[in-house]
Amino acid sequence: MLRSKIEPLYERYLRWQVKHIPRHVAVIQDGNRRFARDQGLDTAVGHRLGADTTEQVLDWACELGVRHITLYTFSTENFRRDRSELKSLFALFREKFTAILTDERVHRNHIRVQMIGDRSLLPDDLLATIDAAEKATLHYTDYYINIALAYGGRNEIVHAARSILDEVKRGVIDPLAISTTTVETHLNRGAPIPPVDLIIRTGNDCRTSNFLPWLANGHESAVYFCAPYWPAFRKIDLLRAMRVYDQRMRLKERTHLYS
């Protein structure tokens, strides 16, 4: 009872503290399985609760003015999980991508949805659903949601290098003109993804797990590690993460002012 009264006040206090809004937030959604185990639930229920949290966080991000959000939903390493869990996860992914087609929040807020990751590793029926969601939101430009599926950071850079080499062979790119911008434009062939300002990882694990190494580590993004498992992530946790980014930006401003 007391908590329900205090939390809204604390949320407003945190929001008042945050003056700098990150343009691009990347989230490592960790802890669905551990949350389910602690609550005595099936793993599939933990993933579904995590998906519910994802929808809430996307609403909060839009409300707070975050224009780009990237979600680490399924890594290349996750393919090592048992077959039944993979089947359940892929069914959940299909359901959520299908829902995008008729989600009034997506279309009201003009949110473009796209997948990043190795499409060759995903089943055809899931790919067809993803393609439909991407096509339905192709022309939206107000907000961007990037879903990292079958994603690995080093794998992404390898694919970008192959793409650049192919264009060099075809005479499209001058090798001497290759720059960091060239690499970034080849990391993802969909909507351009800006550098990451803030990485959030839940589940009390303090590592970034090969997530967006070029766009995050290469641009010295702020990082916020927190204890709650992903299904228990709250708006307060998001605002605390944004406060870390805000503090970093204020420090940069002071450094610039007195340099």
C-alpha atoms as a PDB file:
ATOM      1  CA  MET A   1       0.000   0.000   0.000  1.00  0.00           C
ATOM      2  CA  LEU A   2       2.755   2.424   1.015  1.00  0.00           C
ATOM      3  CA  ARG A   3       4.870   1.410  -1.968  1.00  0.00           C
ATOM      4  CA  SER A   4       2.023   2.150  -4.390  1.00  0.00           C
ATOM      5  CA  LYS A   5       1.881   5.703  -3.027  1.00  0.00           C
ATOM      6  CA  ILE A   6       5.623   6.330  -2.903  1.00  0.00           C
ATOM      7  CA  GLU A   7       6.619   4.947  -6.321  1.00  0.00           C
ATOM      8  CA  PRO A   8       4.697   7.541  -8.408  1.00  0.00           C
ATOM      9  CA  LEU A   9       6.303  10.329  -6.358  1.00  0.00           C
ATOM     10  CA  TYR A  10       9.756   8.798  -6.843  1.00  0.00           C
ATOM     11  CA  GLU A  11       9.111   8.443 -10.580  1.00  0.00           C
ATOM     12  CA  ARG A  12       8.308  12.154 -10.815  1.00  0.00           C
ATOM     13  CA  TYR A  13      11.430  12.995  -8.821  1.00  0.00           C
ATOM     14  CA  LEU A  14      13.615  10.906 -11.133  1.00  0.00           C
ATOM     15  CA  ARG A  15      11.993  12.417 -14.223  1.00  0.00           C
ATOM     16  CA  TRP A  16      12.704  15.890 -12.837  1.00  0.00           C
ATOM     17  CA  GLN A  17      16.370  14.948 -12.424  1.00  0.00           C
ATOM     18  CA  VAL A  18      16.783  13.802 -16.039  1.00  0.00           C
ATOM     19  CA  LYS A  19      17.394  16.746 -18.345  1.00  0.00           C
ATOM     20  CA  HIS A  20      19.245  14.933 -21.130  1.00  0.00           C
ATOM     21  CA  ILE A  21      17.191  12.262 -22.919  1.00  0.00           C
ATOM     22  CA  PRO A  22      19.222   9.563 -24.684  1.00  0.00           C
ATOM     23  CA  ARG A  23      18.460   9.311 -28.374  1.00  0.00           C
ATOM     24  CA  HIS A  24      19.220   5.588 -28.557  1.00  0.00           C
ATOM     25  CA  VAL A  25      18.790   3.116 -25.692  1.00  0.00           C
ATOM     26  CA  ALA A  26      19.851  -0.527 -26.060  1.00  0.00           C
ATOM     27  CA  VAL A  27      18.505  -3.111 -23.618  1.00  0.00           C
ATOM     28  CA  ILE A  28      19.849  -6.547 -22.720  1.00  0.00           C
ATOM     29  CA  GLN A  29      16.685  -8.222 -21.424  1.00  0.00           C
ATOM     30  CA  ASP A  30      18.177 -10.729 -19.025  1.00  0.00           C
ATOM     31  CA  GLY A  31      16.565 -12.915 -16.378  1.00  0.00           C
ATOM     32  CA  ASN A  32      13.338 -14.336 -17.793  1.00  0.00           C
ATOM     33  CA  ARG A  33      14.305 -17.907 -16.964  1.00  0.00           C
ATOM     34  CA  ARG A  34      15.686 -17.094 -13.521  1.00  0.00           C
ATOM     35  CA  PHE A  35      12.554 -15.091 -12.696  1.00  0.00           C
ATOM     36  CA  ALA A  36      10.374 -18.041 -13.682  1.00  0.00           C
ATOM     37  CA  ARG A  37      12.474 -20.454 -11.641  1.00  0.00           C
ATOM     38  CA  ASP A  38      12.330 -18.249  -8.539  1.00  0.00           C
ATOM     39  CA  GLN A  39       8.547 -17.929  -8.879  1.00  0.00           C
ATOM     40  CA  GLY A  40       8.028 -21.655  -9.494  1.00  0.00           C
ATOM     41  CA  LEU A  41       6.810 -21.015 -13.061  1.00  0.00           C
ATOM     42  CA  ASP A  42       7.503 -22.714 -16.376  1.00  0.00           C
ATOM     43  CA  THR A  43      10.271 -21.157 -18.458  1.00  0.00           C
ATOM     44  CA  ALA A  44       7.753 -20.338 -21.194  1.00  0.00           C
ATOM     45  CA  VAL A  45       5.740 -18.278 -18.708  1.00  0.00           C
ATOM     46  CA  GLY A  46       8.889 -16.366 -17.776  1.00  0.00           C
ATOM     47  CA  HIS A  47       9.503 -15.487 -21.430  1.00  0.00           C
ATOM     48  CA  ARG A  48       5.903 -14.357 -21.871  1.00  0.00           C
ATOM     49  CA  LEU A  49       6.091 -12.165 -18.765  1.00  0.00           C
ATOM     50  CA  GLY A  50       9.301 -10.732 -20.173  1.00  0.00           C
ATOM     51  CA  ALA A  51       7.515  -9.953 -23.437  1.00  0.00           C
ATOM     52  CA  ASP A  52       4.823  -8.123 -21.456  1.00  0.00           C
ATOM     53  CA  THR A  53       7.538  -6.044 -19.787  1.00  0.00           C
ATOM     54  CA  THR A  54       9.001  -5.257 -23.193  1.00  0.00           C
ATOM     55  CA  GLU A  55       5.711  -3.730 -24.318  1.00  0.00           C
ATOM     56  CA  GLN A  56       5.552  -1.604 -21.170  1.00  0.00           C
ATOM     57  CA  VAL A  57       9.122  -0.401 -21.607  1.00  0.00           C
ATOM     58  CA  LEU A  58       8.460   0.574 -25.213  1.00  0.00           C
ATOM     59  CA  ASP A  59       5.497   2.666 -24.054  1.00  0.00           C
ATOM     60  CA  TRP A  60       7.644   4.336 -21.394  1.00  0.00           C
ATOM     61  CA  ALA A  61      10.454   5.004 -23.865  1.00  0.00           C
ATOM     62  CA  CYS A  62       8.100   6.746 -26.301  1.00  0.00           C
ATOM     63  CA  GLU A  63       6.550   8.723 -23.453  1.00  0.00           C
ATOM     64  CA  LEU A  64      10.003   9.893 -22.289  1.00  0.00           C
ATOM     65  CA  GLY A  65      11.144  10.851 -25.783  1.00  0.00           C
ATOM     66  CA  VAL A  66      13.590   8.027 -26.585  1.00  0.00           C
ATOM     67  CA  ARG A  67      13.430   7.812 -30.380  1.00  0.00           C
ATOM     68  CA  HIS A  68      15.511   4.659 -30.925  1.00  0.00           C
ATOM     69  CA  ILE A  69      15.450   1.524 -28.794  1.00  0.00           C
ATOM     70  CA  THR A  70      17.238  -1.745 -29.542  1.00  0.00           C
ATOM     71  CA  LEU A  71      16.238  -4.912 -27.697  1.00  0.00           C
ATOM     72  CA  TYR A  72      18.602  -7.864 -27.321  1.00  0.00           C
ATOM     73  CA  THR A  73      15.906 -10.484 -27.627  1.00  0.00           C
ATOM     74  CA  PHE A  74      17.714 -13.609 -28.827  1.00  0.00           C
ATOM     75  CA  SER A  75      21.447 -14.106 -29.364  1.00  0.00           C
ATOM     76  CA  THR A  76      23.271 -16.535 -31.630  1.00  0.00           C
ATOM     77  CA  GLU A  77      24.359 -18.362 -28.453  1.00  0.00           C
ATOM     78  CA  ASN A  78      20.714 -18.881 -27.455  1.00  0.00           C
ATOM     79  CA  PHE A  79      20.360 -21.504 -30.198  1.00  0.00           C
ATOM     80  CA  ARG A  80      22.103 -23.881 -27.773  1.00  0.00           C
ATOM     81  CA  ARG A  81      18.981 -24.046 -25.615  1.00  0.00           C
ATOM     82  CA  ASP A  82      16.824 -27.170 -25.715  1.00  0.00           C
ATOM     83  CA  ARG A  83      14.438 -27.711 -28.602  1.00  0.00           C
ATOM     84  CA  SER A  84      11.230 -27.255 -26.630  1.00  0.00           C
ATOM     85  CA  GLU A  85      12.322 -23.840 -25.324  1.00  0.00           C
ATOM     86  CA  LEU A  86      13.335 -22.710 -28.810  1.00  0.00           C
ATOM     87  CA  LYS A  87       9.975 -23.813 -30.202  1.00  0.00           C
ATOM     88  CA  SER A  88       8.159 -21.858 -27.497  1.00  0.00           C
ATOM     89  CA  LEU A  89      10.306 -18.767 -28.054  1.00  0.00           C
ATOM     90  CA  PHE A  90       9.841 -18.753 -31.815  1.00  0.00           C
ATOM     91  CA  ALA A  91       6.077 -19.093 -31.370  1.00  0.00           C
ATOM     92  CA  LEU A  92       6.141 -16.111 -28.994  1.00  0.00           C
ATOM     93  CA  PHE A  93       8.203 -14.071 -31.465  1.00  0.00           C
ATOM     94  CA  ARG A  94       5.722 -14.858 -34.257  1.00  0.00           C
ATOM     95  CA  GLU A  95       2.828 -13.813 -32.045  1.00  0.00           C
ATOM     96  CA  LYS A  96       4.426 -10.490 -31.121  1.00  0.00           C
ATOM     97  CA  PHE A  97       5.502  -9.600 -34.659  1.00  0.00           C
ATOM     98  CA  THR A  98       2.018 -10.469 -35.935  1.00  0.00           C
ATOM     99  CA  ALA A  99       0.488  -8.190 -33.285  1.00  0.00           C
ATOM    100  CA  ILE A 100       2.501  -5.267 -34.675  1.00  0.00           C
ATOM    101  CA  LEU A 101       0.340  -5.299 -37.808  1.00  0.00           C
ATOM    102  CA  THR A 102      -2.733  -4.176 -35.861  1.00  0.00           C
ATOM    103  CA  ASP A 103      -1.198  -2.515 -32.792  1.00  0.00           C
ATOM    104  CA  GLU A 104      -2.729   0.953 -32.713  1.00  0.00           C
ATOM    105  CA  ARG A 105       0.159   2.259 -30.567  1.00  0.00           C
ATOM    106  CA  VAL A 106       2.644   1.397 -33.301  1.00  0.00           C
ATOM    107  CA  HIS A 107       0.642   3.151 -35.993  1.00  0.00           C
ATOM    108  CA  ARG A 108      -0.469   6.102 -33.852  1.00  0.00           C
ATOM    109  CA  ASN A 109       3.116   6.845 -32.796  1.00  0.00           C
ATOM    110  CA  HIS A 110       4.580   6.085 -36.245  1.00  0.00           C
ATOM    111  CA  ILE A 111       7.032   3.488 -34.950  1.00  0.00           C
ATOM    112  CA  ARG A 112       9.247   1.693 -37.446  1.00  0.00           C
ATOM    113  CA  VAL A 113      10.047  -1.884 -36.455  1.00  0.00           C
ATOM    114  CA  GLN A 114      12.951  -3.847 -37.864  1.00  0.00           C
ATOM    115  CA  MET A 115      14.990  -6.909 -37.044  1.00  0.00           C
ATOM    116  CA  ILE A 116      18.764  -6.922 -36.785  1.00  0.00           C
ATOM    117  CA  GLY A 117      20.646 -10.198 -36.764  1.00  0.00           C
ATOM    118  CA  ASP A 118      21.379 -13.212 -38.959  1.00  0.00           C
ATOM    119  CA  ARG A 119      18.155 -13.966 -40.810  1.00  0.00           C
ATOM    120  CA  SER A 120      19.611 -17.141 -42.288  1.00  0.00           C
ATOM    121  CA  LEU A 121      19.424 -18.773 -38.848  1.00  0.00           C
ATOM    122  CA  LEU A 122      15.684 -18.244 -38.314  1.00  0.00           C
ATOM    123  CA  PRO A 123      12.807 -20.499 -39.485  1.00  0.00           C
ATOM    124  CA  ASP A 124      10.929 -19.432 -42.609  1.00  0.00           C
ATOM    125  CA  ASP A 125       7.560 -18.909 -40.920  1.00  0.00           C
ATOM    126  CA  LEU A 126       9.088 -16.522 -38.371  1.00  0.00           C
ATOM    127  CA  LEU A 127      10.948 -14.656 -41.121  1.00  0.00           C
ATOM    128  CA  ALA A 128       7.713 -14.196 -43.071  1.00  0.00           C
ATOM    129  CA  THR A 129       6.056 -12.676 -39.998  1.00  0.00           C
ATOM    130  CA  ILE A 130       9.020 -10.369 -39.403  1.00  0.00           C
ATOM    131  CA  ASP A 131       8.992  -9.267 -43.062  1.00  0.00           C
ATOM    132  CA  ALA A 132       5.286  -8.410 -42.797  1.00  0.00           C
ATOM    133  CA  ALA A 133       5.828  -6.304 -39.662  1.00  0.00           C
ATOM    134  CA  GLU A 134       8.761  -4.488 -41.237  1.00  0.00           C
ATOM    135  CA  LYS A 135       6.791  -3.781 -44.394  1.00  0.00           C
ATOM    136  CA  ALA A 136       3.790  -2.486 -42.413  1.00  0.00           C
ATOM    137  CA  THR A 137       5.960   0.086 -40.600  1.00  0.00           C
ATOM    138  CA  LEU A 138       8.456   0.830 -43.381  1.00  0.00           C
ATOM    139  CA  HIS A 139       7.523   4.486 -43.854  1.00  0.00           C
ATOM    140  CA  TYR A 140       7.327   5.492 -40.183  1.00  0.00           C
ATOM    141  CA  THR A 141      10.050   7.843 -38.969  1.00  0.00           C
ATOM    142  CA  ASP A 142       9.055   9.148 -35.523  1.00  0.00           C
ATOM    143  CA  TYR A 143      10.335   6.217 -33.446  1.00  0.00           C
ATOM    144  CA  TYR A 144      12.420   3.133 -34.203  1.00  0.00           C
ATOM    145  CA  ILE A 145      12.410  -0.284 -32.536  1.00  0.00           C
ATOM    146  CA  ASN A 146      15.209  -2.660 -33.471  1.00  0.00           C
ATOM    147  CA  ILE A 147      14.668  -6.279 -32.442  1.00  0.00           C
ATOM    148  CA  ALA A 148      17.961  -8.168 -32.193  1.00  0.00           C
ATOM    149  CA  LEU A 149      17.203 -11.784 -33.105  1.00  0.00           C
ATOM    150  CA  ALA A 150      19.844 -14.402 -33.911  1.00  0.00           C
ATOM    151  CA  TYR A 151      22.203 -11.555 -33.120  1.00  0.00           C
ATOM    152  CA  GLY A 152      25.895 -11.566 -32.280  1.00  0.00           C
ATOM    153  CA  GLY A 153      28.052  -8.449 -32.315  1.00  0.00           C
ATOM    154  CA  ARG A 154      31.147 -10.005 -33.848  1.00  0.00           C
ATOM    155  CA  ASN A 155      29.007 -11.857 -36.375  1.00  0.00           C
ATOM    156  CA  GLU A 156      27.442  -8.520 -37.353  1.00  0.00           C
ATOM    157  CA  ILE A 157      30.865  -6.985 -38.025  1.00  0.00           C
ATOM    158  CA  VAL A 158      31.947 -10.030 -40.055  1.00  0.00           C
ATOM    159  CA  HIS A 159      28.855  -9.722 -42.261  1.00  0.00           C
ATOM    160  CA  ALA A 160      29.511  -5.996 -42.698  1.00  0.00           C
ATOM    161  CA  ALA A 161      33.114  -6.711 -43.734  1.00  0.00           C
ATOM    162  CA  ARG A 162      31.967  -9.280 -46.295  1.00  0.00           C
ATOM    163  CA  SER A 163      29.442  -6.813 -47.702  1.00  0.00           C
ATOM    164  CA  ILE A 164      32.076  -4.092 -48.016  1.00  0.00           C
ATOM    165  CA  LEU A 165      34.549  -6.468 -49.691  1.00  0.00           C
ATOM    166  CA  ASP A 166      31.870  -7.527 -52.175  1.00  0.00           C
ATOM    167  CA  GLU A 167      31.220  -3.903 -53.124  1.00  0.00           C
ATOM    168  CA  VAL A 168      34.954  -3.254 -53.437  1.00  0.00           C
ATOM    169  CA  LYS A 169      35.215  -6.181 -55.876  1.00  0.00           C
ATOM    170  CA  ARG A 170      32.312  -4.804 -57.910  1.00  0.00           C
ATOM    171  CA  GLY A 171      33.896  -1.364 -58.017  1.00  0.00           C
ATOM    172  CA  VAL A 172      31.127   0.241 -55.971  1.00  0.00           C
ATOM    173  CA  ILE A 173      33.475   1.273 -53.142  1.00  0.00           C
ATOM    174  CA  ASP A 174      36.994   2.681 -53.407  1.00  0.00           C
ATOM    175  CA  PRO A 175      39.111   0.850 -50.797  1.00  0.00           C
ATOM    176  CA  LEU A 176      40.865   4.103 -49.921  1.00  0.00           C
ATOM    177  CA  ALA A 177      37.501   5.718 -49.176  1.00  0.00           C
ATOM    178  CA  ILE A 178      36.437   3.156 -46.563  1.00  0.00           C
ATOM    179  CA  SER A 179      35.691   4.935 -43.294  1.00  0.00           C
ATOM    180  CA  THR A 180      33.847   4.362 -40.039  1.00  0.00           C
ATOM    181  CA  THR A 181      30.741   5.680 -41.785  1.00  0.00           C
ATOM    182  CA  THR A 182      31.144   3.001 -44.457  1.00  0.00           C
ATOM    183  CA  VAL A 183      31.207   0.289 -41.807  1.00  0.00           C
ATOM    184  CA  GLU A 184      28.181   1.693 -39.985  1.00  0.00           C
ATOM    185  CA  THR A 185      26.098   1.813 -43.158  1.00  0.00           C
ATOM    186  CA  HIS A 186      26.872  -1.877 -43.753  1.00  0.00           C
ATOM    187  CA  LEU A 187      26.088  -3.089 -40.238  1.00  0.00           C
ATOM    188  CA  ASN A 188      22.377  -3.046 -40.997  1.00  0.00           C
ATOM    189  CA  ARG A 189      20.699  -2.558 -44.363  1.00  0.00           C
ATOM    190  CA  GLY A 190      17.379  -1.361 -42.923  1.00  0.00           C
ATOM    191  CA  ALA A 191      16.740   1.977 -41.261  1.00  0.00           C
ATOM    192  CA  PRO A 192      19.997   3.621 -40.104  1.00  0.00           C
ATOM    193  CA  ILE A 193      20.773   2.946 -36.448  1.00  0.00           C
ATOM    194  CA  PRO A 194      22.492   5.805 -34.605  1.00  0.00           C
ATOM    195  CA  PRO A 195      25.245   5.306 -32.015  1.00  0.00           C
ATOM    196  CA  VAL A 196      24.045   3.914 -28.696  1.00  0.00           C
ATOM    197  CA  ASP A 197      23.825   6.461 -25.887  1.00  0.00           C
ATOM    198  CA  LEU A 198      22.818   4.087 -23.089  1.00  0.00           C
ATOM    199  CA  ILE A 199      22.959   0.325 -22.551  1.00  0.00           C
ATOM    200  CA  ILE A 200      20.754  -1.216 -19.865  1.00  0.00           C
ATOM    201  CA  ARG A 201      21.255  -4.764 -18.615  1.00  0.00           C
ATOM    202  CA  THR A 202      18.898  -6.412 -16.149  1.00  0.00           C
ATOM    203  CA  GLY A 203      19.404  -9.569 -14.079  1.00  0.00           C
ATOM    204  CA  ASN A 204      22.401  -8.411 -11.997  1.00  0.00           C
ATOM    205  CA  ASP A 205      24.967  -9.509 -14.583  1.00  0.00           C
ATOM    206  CA  CYS A 206      27.602  -6.839 -15.259  1.00  0.00           C
ATOM    207  CA  ARG A 207      28.637  -7.479 -18.854  1.00  0.00           C
ATOM    208  CA  THR A 208      27.465  -6.296 -22.283  1.00  0.00           C
ATOM    209  CA  SER A 209      27.568  -9.745 -23.933  1.00  0.00           C
ATOM    210  CA  ASN A 210      28.788  -8.901 -27.427  1.00  0.00           C
ATOM    211  CA  PHE A 211      25.874  -6.482 -27.929  1.00  0.00           C
ATOM    212  CA  LEU A 212      26.289  -3.734 -30.534  1.00  0.00           C
ATOM    213  CA  PRO A 213      30.080  -3.544 -30.078  1.00  0.00           C
ATOM    214  CA  TRP A 214      30.545  -1.015 -32.886  1.00  0.00           C
ATOM    215  CA  LEU A 215      27.643   1.292 -32.075  1.00  0.00           C
ATOM    216  CA  ALA A 216      27.901   1.037 -28.274  1.00  0.00           C
ATOM    217  CA  ASN A 217      31.461   0.287 -27.173  1.00  0.00           C
ATOM    218  CA  GLY A 218      32.874   2.166 -30.144  1.00  0.00           C
ATOM    219  CA  HIS A 219      30.997   5.300 -29.078  1.00  0.00           C
ATOM    220  CA  GLU A 220      31.607   4.982 -25.324  1.00  0.00           C
ATOM    221  CA  SER A 221      27.956   4.670 -24.393  1.00  0.00           C
ATOM    222  CA  ALA A 222      26.841   4.915 -20.784  1.00  0.00           C
ATOM    223  CA  VAL A 223      26.035   1.544 -19.186  1.00  0.00           C
ATOM    224  CA  TYR A 224      23.536   0.770 -16.419  1.00  0.00           C
ATOM    225  CA  PHE A 225      23.457  -2.634 -14.737  1.00  0.00           C
ATOM    226  CA  CYS A 226      20.557  -3.373 -12.406  1.00  0.00           C
ATOM    227  CA  ALA A 227      19.450  -6.280 -10.228  1.00  0.00           C
ATOM    228  CA  PRO A 228      15.794  -6.874 -11.236  1.00  0.00           C
ATOM    229  CA  TYR A 229      15.148  -9.685 -13.669  1.00  0.00           C
ATOM    230  CA  TRP A 230      13.577  -8.434 -16.896  1.00  0.00           C
ATOM    231  CA  PRO A 231       9.947  -9.369 -16.002  1.00  0.00           C
ATOM    232  CA  ALA A 232      10.303  -7.289 -12.805  1.00  0.00           C
ATOM    233  CA  PHE A 233      11.811  -4.224 -14.527  1.00  0.00           C
ATOM    234  CA  ARG A 234       9.943  -1.014 -13.608  1.00  0.00           C
ATOM    235  CA  LYS A 235       9.684   2.519 -14.940  1.00  0.00           C
ATOM    236  CA  ILE A 236      11.772   3.551 -11.938  1.00  0.00           C
ATOM    237  CA  ASP A 237      14.591   1.328 -13.208  1.00  0.00           C
ATOM    238  CA  LEU A 238      14.409   2.907 -16.655  1.00  0.00           C
ATOM    239  CA  LEU A 239      14.529   6.397 -15.165  1.00  0.00           C
ATOM    240  CA  ARG A 240      17.481   5.456 -12.954  1.00  0.00           C
ATOM    241  CA  ALA A 241      19.315   4.272 -16.065  1.00  0.00           C
ATOM    242  CA  MET A 242      18.489   7.510 -17.847  1.00  0.00           C
ATOM    243  CA  ARG A 243      19.795   9.427 -14.827  1.00  0.00           C
ATOM    244  CA  VAL A 244      23.169   7.708 -15.309  1.00  0.00           C
ATOM    245  CA  TYR A 245      23.217   8.940 -18.908  1.00  0.00           C
ATOM    246  CA  ASP A 246      22.159  12.408 -17.773  1.00  0.00           C
ATOM    247  CA  GLN A 247      24.975  12.550 -15.210  1.00  0.00           C
ATOM    248  CA  ARG A 248      27.457  11.562 -17.894  1.00  0.00           C
ATOM    249  CA  MET A 249      26.222  14.336 -20.195  1.00  0.00           C
ATOM    250  CA  ARG A 250      26.333  16.929 -17.412  1.00  0.00           C
ATOM    251  CA  LEU A 251      29.940  15.930 -16.677  1.00  0.00           C
ATOM    252  CA  LYS A 252      30.825  16.351 -20.346  1.00  0.00           C
ATOM    253  CA  GLU A 253      29.230  19.791 -20.346  1.00  0.00           C
ATOM    254  CA  ARG A 254      31.217  20.870 -17.285  1.00  0.00           C
ATOM    255  CA  THR A 255      34.434  19.464 -18.747  1.00  0.00           C
ATOM    256  CA  HIS A 256      33.817  21.351 -21.985  1.00  0.00           C
ATOM    257  CA  LEU A 257      32.953  24.545 -20.098  1.00  0.00           C
ATOM    258  CA  TYR A 258      36.209  24.590 -18.111  1.00  0.00           C
ATOM    259  CA  SER A 259      38.534  23.163 -20.756  1.00  0.00           C
END
